[in-house]
Protein backbone atom coordinates (compact mmCIF):
# COMPACT_ATOMS: atom_id res chain seq x y z
CA UNK A 1 0.00 0.00 0.00
CA UNK A 2 1.49 3.42 -0.94
CA UNK A 3 2.37 5.78 1.89
CA UNK A 4 0.97 8.89 0.14
CA UNK A 5 3.27 11.23 2.05
CA UNK A 6 2.28 14.91 2.01
CA UNK A 7 4.58 17.76 0.90
CA UNK A 8 4.56 18.97 4.53
CA UNK A 9 5.81 15.58 5.76
CA UNK A 10 8.55 15.51 3.11
CA UNK A 11 9.59 19.04 4.13
CA UNK A 12 9.84 17.95 7.77
CA UNK A 13 11.86 14.90 6.65
CA UNK A 14 14.27 17.20 4.80
CA UNK A 15 14.60 19.36 7.94
CA UNK A 16 15.52 16.20 9.84
CA UNK A 17 18.20 15.34 7.27
CA UNK A 18 19.59 18.90 7.46
CA UNK A 19 19.44 19.06 11.27
CA UNK A 20 22.69 19.40 13.15
CA UNK A 21 21.75 19.40 16.85
CA UNK A 22 19.79 16.83 18.85
CA UNK A 23 17.16 19.48 19.50
CA UNK A 24 16.67 20.14 15.78
CA UNK A 25 16.52 16.42 14.96
CA UNK A 26 14.04 15.72 17.75
CA UNK A 27 11.79 18.61 16.69
CA UNK A 28 11.83 17.45 13.06
CA UNK A 29 11.03 13.85 14.03
CA UNK A 30 8.17 14.97 16.26
CA UNK A 31 6.79 16.98 13.33
CA UNK A 32 7.14 13.95 11.05
CA UNK A 33 5.21 11.84 13.57
CA UNK A 34 2.42 14.42 13.62
CA UNK A 35 2.25 14.72 9.83
CA UNK A 36 2.63 11.14 8.63
CA UNK A 37 -0.64 9.66 7.33
CA UNK A 38 -2.00 7.00 9.70
CA UNK A 39 -2.96 3.95 7.66
CA UNK A 40 -1.72 0.41 7.03
CA UNK A 41 0.78 1.57 4.40
CA UNK A 42 2.72 3.67 6.96
CA UNK A 43 2.74 1.25 9.93
CA UNK A 44 6.43 0.30 9.54
CA UNK A 45 7.43 3.92 8.92
CA UNK A 46 5.62 5.09 12.06
CA UNK A 47 7.24 2.31 14.12
CA UNK A 48 10.66 3.34 12.79
CA UNK A 49 9.97 7.01 13.61
CA UNK A 50 9.00 6.05 17.17
CA UNK A 51 12.24 4.08 17.61
CA UNK A 52 14.37 6.91 16.26
CA UNK A 53 12.57 9.46 18.42
CA UNK A 54 13.04 7.35 21.56
CA UNK A 55 16.76 6.98 20.78
CA UNK A 56 17.18 10.75 20.29
CA UNK A 57 15.37 11.53 23.53
CA UNK A 58 17.61 9.05 25.35
CA UNK A 59 20.72 10.71 23.91
CA UNK A 60 19.33 14.10 24.88
CA UNK A 61 18.87 12.99 28.48
CA UNK A 62 22.47 11.75 28.61
CA UNK A 63 23.69 15.14 27.37
CA UNK A 64 21.40 17.10 29.68
CA UNK A 65 24.40 18.60 31.46
CA UNK A 66 25.45 20.53 28.34
CA UNK A 67 21.95 21.38 27.11
CA UNK A 68 22.00 24.83 28.69
CA UNK A 69 25.17 25.78 26.83
CA UNK A 70 23.84 24.32 23.59
CA UNK A 71 20.65 26.36 23.86
CA UNK A 72 22.74 29.54 23.71
CA UNK A 73 23.57 28.69 20.12
CA UNK A 74 20.10 27.79 18.84
CA UNK A 75 16.96 29.80 18.14
CA UNK A 76 13.47 28.37 18.44
CA UNK A 77 11.48 28.98 15.27
CA UNK A 78 8.59 31.43 15.51
CA UNK A 79 6.28 33.29 13.16
CA UNK A 80 5.64 32.73 9.48
CA UNK A 81 9.26 31.84 8.73
CA UNK A 82 12.83 32.14 10.00
CA UNK A 83 15.36 34.30 8.12
CA UNK A 84 18.99 34.38 9.24
CA UNK A 85 21.21 37.45 8.61
CA UNK A 86 24.75 36.56 7.52
CA UNK A 87 27.68 38.76 6.66
CA UNK A 88 31.20 39.81 7.58
CA UNK A 89 32.22 42.25 10.33
CA UNK A 90 30.52 45.68 10.44
CA UNK A 91 28.24 45.19 7.43
CA UNK A 92 25.24 46.43 9.44
CA UNK A 93 23.38 43.22 10.31
CA UNK A 94 22.40 44.37 13.80
CA UNK A 95 21.19 47.74 12.51
CA UNK A 96 19.02 45.95 9.96
CA UNK A 97 17.58 43.72 12.68
CA UNK A 98 16.79 46.76 14.84
CA UNK A 99 15.16 48.71 12.01
CA UNK A 100 13.14 45.80 10.62
CA UNK A 101 11.97 44.32 13.92
CA UNK A 102 11.32 45.24 17.53
CA UNK A 103 14.61 43.71 18.72
CA UNK A 104 17.21 45.85 20.48
CA UNK A 105 20.58 44.28 19.63
CA UNK A 106 23.85 45.78 20.77
CA UNK A 107 25.19 47.95 17.96
CA UNK A 108 28.76 49.21 17.82
CA UNK A 109 31.11 50.73 15.25
CA UNK A 110 33.61 47.95 15.87
CA UNK A 111 33.83 44.35 14.62
CA UNK A 112 32.21 41.36 16.35
CA UNK A 113 29.75 43.32 18.50
CA UNK A 114 27.26 40.46 18.14
CA UNK A 115 28.49 37.32 19.89
CA UNK A 116 25.36 35.13 20.05
CA UNK A 117 22.38 34.64 17.72
CA UNK A 118 19.84 37.42 18.33
CA UNK A 119 16.22 36.89 17.19
CA UNK A 120 13.63 39.57 16.46
CA UNK A 121 10.13 39.53 14.99
CA UNK A 122 9.54 41.61 11.86
CA UNK A 123 5.92 42.64 11.28
CA UNK A 124 4.63 42.39 7.72
CA UNK A 125 0.98 43.26 7.19
CA UNK A 126 -0.85 40.83 9.49
CA UNK A 127 1.95 38.32 10.22
CA UNK A 128 5.35 38.19 11.93
CA UNK A 129 8.56 36.92 10.33
CA UNK A 130 11.45 35.89 12.56
CA UNK A 131 14.83 37.46 11.80
CA UNK A 132 18.00 36.07 13.41
CA UNK A 133 21.10 38.25 13.63
CA UNK A 134 24.35 36.28 13.66
CA UNK A 135 27.91 37.00 14.77
CA UNK A 136 30.11 38.17 11.93
CA UNK A 137 31.30 35.31 9.75
CA UNK A 138 35.06 35.57 9.60
CA UNK A 139 37.69 32.83 9.16
CA UNK A 140 39.24 33.70 12.53
CA UNK A 141 35.99 33.45 14.51
CA UNK A 142 33.73 31.06 12.59
CA UNK A 143 32.31 28.18 14.66
CA UNK A 144 30.32 25.12 13.44
CA UNK A 145 27.14 26.14 15.27
CA UNK A 146 26.85 29.16 12.95
CA UNK A 147 26.39 26.86 9.98
CA UNK A 148 23.84 24.90 12.01
CA UNK A 149 21.64 27.97 12.40
CA UNK A 150 21.84 28.72 8.67
CA UNK A 151 20.85 25.11 7.93
CA UNK A 152 17.76 25.24 10.12
CA UNK A 153 16.52 28.58 8.74
CA UNK A 154 13.96 28.90 5.96
CA UNK A 155 16.15 31.39 4.09
CA UNK A 156 19.03 33.81 4.52
CA UNK A 157 19.83 37.48 4.01
CA UNK A 158 23.41 37.86 2.84
CA UNK A 159 24.52 41.40 3.72
CA UNK A 160 26.96 43.41 1.58
CA UNK A 161 28.48 46.70 2.78
CA UNK A 162 28.34 49.33 0.02
CA UNK A 163 30.54 51.65 2.07
CA UNK A 164 33.49 49.25 2.12
CA UNK A 165 36.26 49.05 -0.48
CA UNK A 166 36.65 45.34 0.33
CA UNK A 167 32.92 44.66 -0.26
CA UNK A 168 33.41 41.80 -2.75
CA UNK A 169 36.11 40.12 -0.65
CA UNK A 170 33.76 40.19 2.35
CA UNK A 171 30.96 38.45 0.46
CA UNK A 172 33.27 35.84 -1.04
CA UNK A 173 34.73 35.10 2.39
CA UNK A 174 31.27 34.45 3.90
CA UNK A 175 30.21 32.26 0.98
CA UNK A 176 33.47 30.29 1.19
CA UNK A 177 33.01 29.67 4.94
CA UNK A 178 29.50 28.37 4.41
CA UNK A 179 30.56 26.24 1.46
CA UNK A 180 33.27 24.68 3.64
CA UNK A 181 30.38 23.72 5.95
CA UNK A 182 28.59 22.22 2.90
CA UNK A 183 26.01 25.03 2.71
CA UNK A 184 25.22 26.87 -0.52
CA UNK A 185 23.44 30.23 -0.52
CA UNK A 186 21.78 31.33 -3.75
CA UNK A 187 18.58 32.71 -5.16
CA UNK A 188 17.81 29.37 -6.81
CA UNK A 189 19.20 25.86 -6.40
CA UNK A 190 20.89 25.66 -9.81
CA UNK A 191 22.54 29.09 -9.88
CA UNK A 192 25.99 27.74 -9.00
CA UNK A 193 28.44 28.66 -6.28
CA UNK A 194 28.59 25.38 -4.35
CA UNK A 195 29.14 21.63 -4.51
CA UNK A 196 26.40 19.39 -5.85
CA UNK A 197 26.10 17.72 -2.45
CA UNK A 198 25.74 21.00 -0.52
CA UNK A 199 22.63 21.89 1.45
CA UNK A 200 20.95 24.70 -0.45
CA UNK A 201 19.39 27.65 1.36
CA UNK A 202 17.45 30.27 -0.53
CA UNK A 203 19.00 33.71 -0.02
CA UNK A 204 18.73 37.30 -1.15
CA UNK A 205 21.62 39.76 -1.22
CA UNK A 206 20.99 42.99 0.71
CA UNK A 207 23.16 45.86 -0.53
CA UNK A 208 23.33 47.73 2.78
CA UNK A 209 24.36 51.36 3.36
CA UNK A 210 23.09 52.44 -0.07
CA UNK A 211 23.16 56.05 1.19
CA UNK A 212 26.98 56.02 1.16
CA UNK A 213 28.61 58.53 -1.20
CA UNK A 214 30.25 55.73 -3.22
CA UNK A 215 27.30 53.32 -3.03
CA UNK A 216 26.01 53.78 -6.59
CA UNK A 217 29.25 52.65 -8.22
CA UNK A 218 29.71 49.73 -5.85
CA UNK A 219 26.11 48.64 -6.38
CA UNK A 220 26.80 48.29 -10.09
CA UNK A 221 29.89 46.19 -9.31
CA UNK A 222 27.82 44.05 -6.97
CA UNK A 223 25.23 43.45 -9.69
CA UNK A 224 27.92 42.61 -12.21
CA UNK A 225 29.31 39.84 -9.98
CA UNK A 226 26.21 38.49 -8.22
CA UNK A 227 23.00 39.40 -10.09
CA UNK A 228 22.93 35.98 -11.78
CA UNK A 229 23.00 34.25 -8.39
CA UNK A 230 20.96 36.50 -6.09
CA UNK A 231 18.15 39.04 -6.16
CA UNK A 232 19.82 42.24 -4.89
CA UNK A 233 17.90 44.67 -2.67
CA UNK A 234 19.56 48.07 -1.92
CA UNK A 235 18.77 49.31 1.60
CA UNK A 236 19.83 51.85 4.21
CA UNK A 237 19.05 51.81 7.91
CA UNK A 238 20.16 55.46 8.14
CA UNK A 239 17.67 56.80 5.57
CA UNK A 240 15.12 53.96 5.62
CA UNK A 241 15.50 53.50 1.86
CA UNK A 242 14.58 50.05 0.61
CA UNK A 243 13.36 48.68 3.96
CA UNK A 244 9.72 48.35 2.87
CA UNK A 245 10.83 46.62 -0.34
CA UNK A 246 12.99 44.31 1.74
CA UNK A 247 10.07 43.35 4.00
CA UNK A 248 7.91 42.55 0.99
CA UNK A 249 10.69 40.56 -0.68
CA UNK A 250 11.23 38.43 2.43
CA UNK A 251 7.52 37.59 2.58
CA UNK A 252 7.40 36.71 -1.11
CA UNK A 253 10.52 34.53 -0.98
CA UNK A 254 9.37 32.60 2.08
CA UNK A 255 6.72 31.27 -0.31
CA UNK A 256 3.88 31.02 2.20
CA UNK A 257 0.13 31.59 2.02
CA UNK A 258 -2.16 33.13 4.63
CA UNK A 259 -5.41 31.27 5.16
CA UNK A 260 -8.45 32.48 7.11
CA UNK A 261 -11.27 30.37 8.48
CA UNK A 262 -14.91 31.19 9.11
CA UNK A 263 -17.76 29.62 11.04
CA UNK A 264 -20.70 28.46 8.89
CA UNK A 265 -23.36 31.14 8.71
CA UNK A 266 -21.06 33.91 9.96
CA UNK A 267 -18.77 36.43 8.27
CA UNK A 268 -15.06 35.81 8.16
CA UNK A 269 -12.99 37.72 10.71
CA UNK A 270 -10.03 39.03 8.74
CA UNK A 271 -8.74 41.13 11.62
CA UNK A 272 -7.23 38.16 13.43
CA UNK A 273 -4.06 36.22 12.74
CA UNK A 274 -4.27 33.92 9.71
CA UNK A 275 -2.95 30.39 9.50
CA UNK A 276 0.37 30.48 7.62
CA UNK A 277 1.12 27.51 5.38
CA UNK A 278 3.69 26.71 2.72
CA UNK A 279 2.74 27.45 -0.88
CA UNK A 280 1.16 24.36 -2.38
CA UNK A 281 -0.73 23.44 0.79
CA UNK A 282 -4.19 21.94 0.43
CA UNK A 283 -7.54 22.18 2.19
CA UNK A 284 -6.54 19.11 4.20
CA UNK A 285 -3.29 20.78 5.29
CA UNK A 286 -5.27 23.81 6.47
CA UNK A 287 -7.67 21.57 8.39
CA UNK A 288 -4.67 19.91 10.08
CA UNK A 289 -3.27 23.32 11.03
CA UNK A 290 -6.56 24.28 12.68
CA UNK A 291 -6.74 20.99 14.61
CA UNK A 292 -5.10 17.63 14.01
CA UNK A 293 -8.35 15.74 14.51
CA UNK A 294 -10.02 17.72 11.71
CA UNK A 295 -8.00 15.66 9.22
CA UNK A 296 -10.14 12.63 10.05
CA UNK A 297 -13.45 14.37 10.72
CA UNK A 298 -13.52 16.85 7.80
CA UNK A 299 -16.62 16.22 5.67
CA UNK A 300 -16.23 19.02 3.15
CA UNK A 301 -15.09 22.64 2.84
CA UNK A 302 -16.25 25.80 1.14
CA UNK A 303 -13.81 28.43 -0.15
CA UNK A 304 -13.89 32.15 -0.85
CA UNK A 305 -11.05 33.61 -2.93
CA UNK A 306 -9.41 36.90 -2.03
CA UNK A 307 -9.58 39.92 -4.33
CA UNK A 308 -5.94 39.26 -5.30
CA UNK A 309 -6.67 35.68 -6.39
CA UNK A 310 -4.78 34.42 -9.45
CA UNK A 311 -7.42 31.82 -10.25
CA UNK A 312 -9.20 32.18 -13.61
CA UNK A 313 -12.49 32.42 -11.71
CA UNK A 314 -12.87 33.72 -8.16
CA UNK A 315 -14.55 31.28 -5.82
CA UNK A 316 -17.38 32.58 -3.69
CA UNK A 317 -18.36 29.85 -1.28
CA UNK A 318 -18.05 26.89 -3.66
CA UNK A 319 -17.44 23.44 -2.25
CA UNK A 320 -13.84 22.25 -2.81
CA UNK A 321 -12.03 18.92 -2.56
CA UNK A 322 -9.75 18.06 0.37
CA UNK A 323 -6.81 18.11 -2.07
CA UNK A 324 -7.67 21.56 -3.49
CA UNK A 325 -4.61 23.84 -3.48
CA UNK A 326 -4.88 27.07 -1.53
CA UNK A 327 -3.84 30.65 -2.41
CA UNK A 328 -2.80 33.56 -0.25
CA UNK A 329 -5.84 35.20 1.32
CA UNK A 330 -8.26 32.29 0.84
CA UNK A 331 -11.12 31.97 3.34
CA UNK A 332 -12.12 28.42 4.32
CA UNK A 333 -15.31 27.17 5.93
CA UNK A 334 -14.58 23.73 7.33
CA UNK A 335 -17.53 21.38 7.86
CA UNK A 336 -16.78 18.70 10.43
């Protein structure tokens, strides 16, 4: 009997394969257990997941004495997605975090001000996106846990400093460090810049300090070298230029959809927080996000398209299949 594994399960399985720490592996396995379809075709897989999960928890208990130190170098995922900021010394990562989110990182005009990962929540319309500031990536200070955080993130912001003469060297140094950790950053998986076996993480290139007097010329150089590999977003924390475009770009590249639910016979409440799902999610995935038991008890669903719908015909309360693919802004009425 086929397992019929969902895209969400396969994504969790990939997170398990990419995980570095026991905490990351355990979290991914727990998510796989929650997402795997429960039928005869998955009995052996579920038994194997339970065995692996028990083994990881046992290992975690043995290493309990170092768990506090390990937690210093990990960030629990929150919000609609996790975006890690990477760059060399003094490129302005902490200033970007402060200006894009409500975080208050230490900011200094000297290298290596940031020593631990620093999270902050960036508001975008009606959702929150988690940003994680990182210590500067430099050959003299790079540690393996830094690559671990990049691996677990949904995407990365690679920061270039348009005020620095050594701008290109700084970017190449960061990319080389990550590639030595078998991590490739690029705007698309096949755009080059890493080994075939490397873990790929989607990234955009933020051309920071675009208000600098020499920024225009350096921006053209940056585009000449990296436009084929990354989407480049000029920005300045001093003037605020490009920050709104950057917020929108991060949302778009996370590739998620916002789904609202309504009670039969009542209007949809669009003022609350939507359910955030990966692009390609179905009605059944949305039902699971509302409550796990709804997967088994869902009888049918009705759907209302948003005004921005890309469908040929907008839906206005039509009944849809459990496998129907959702769009950003869809409103679902689940009948249990």
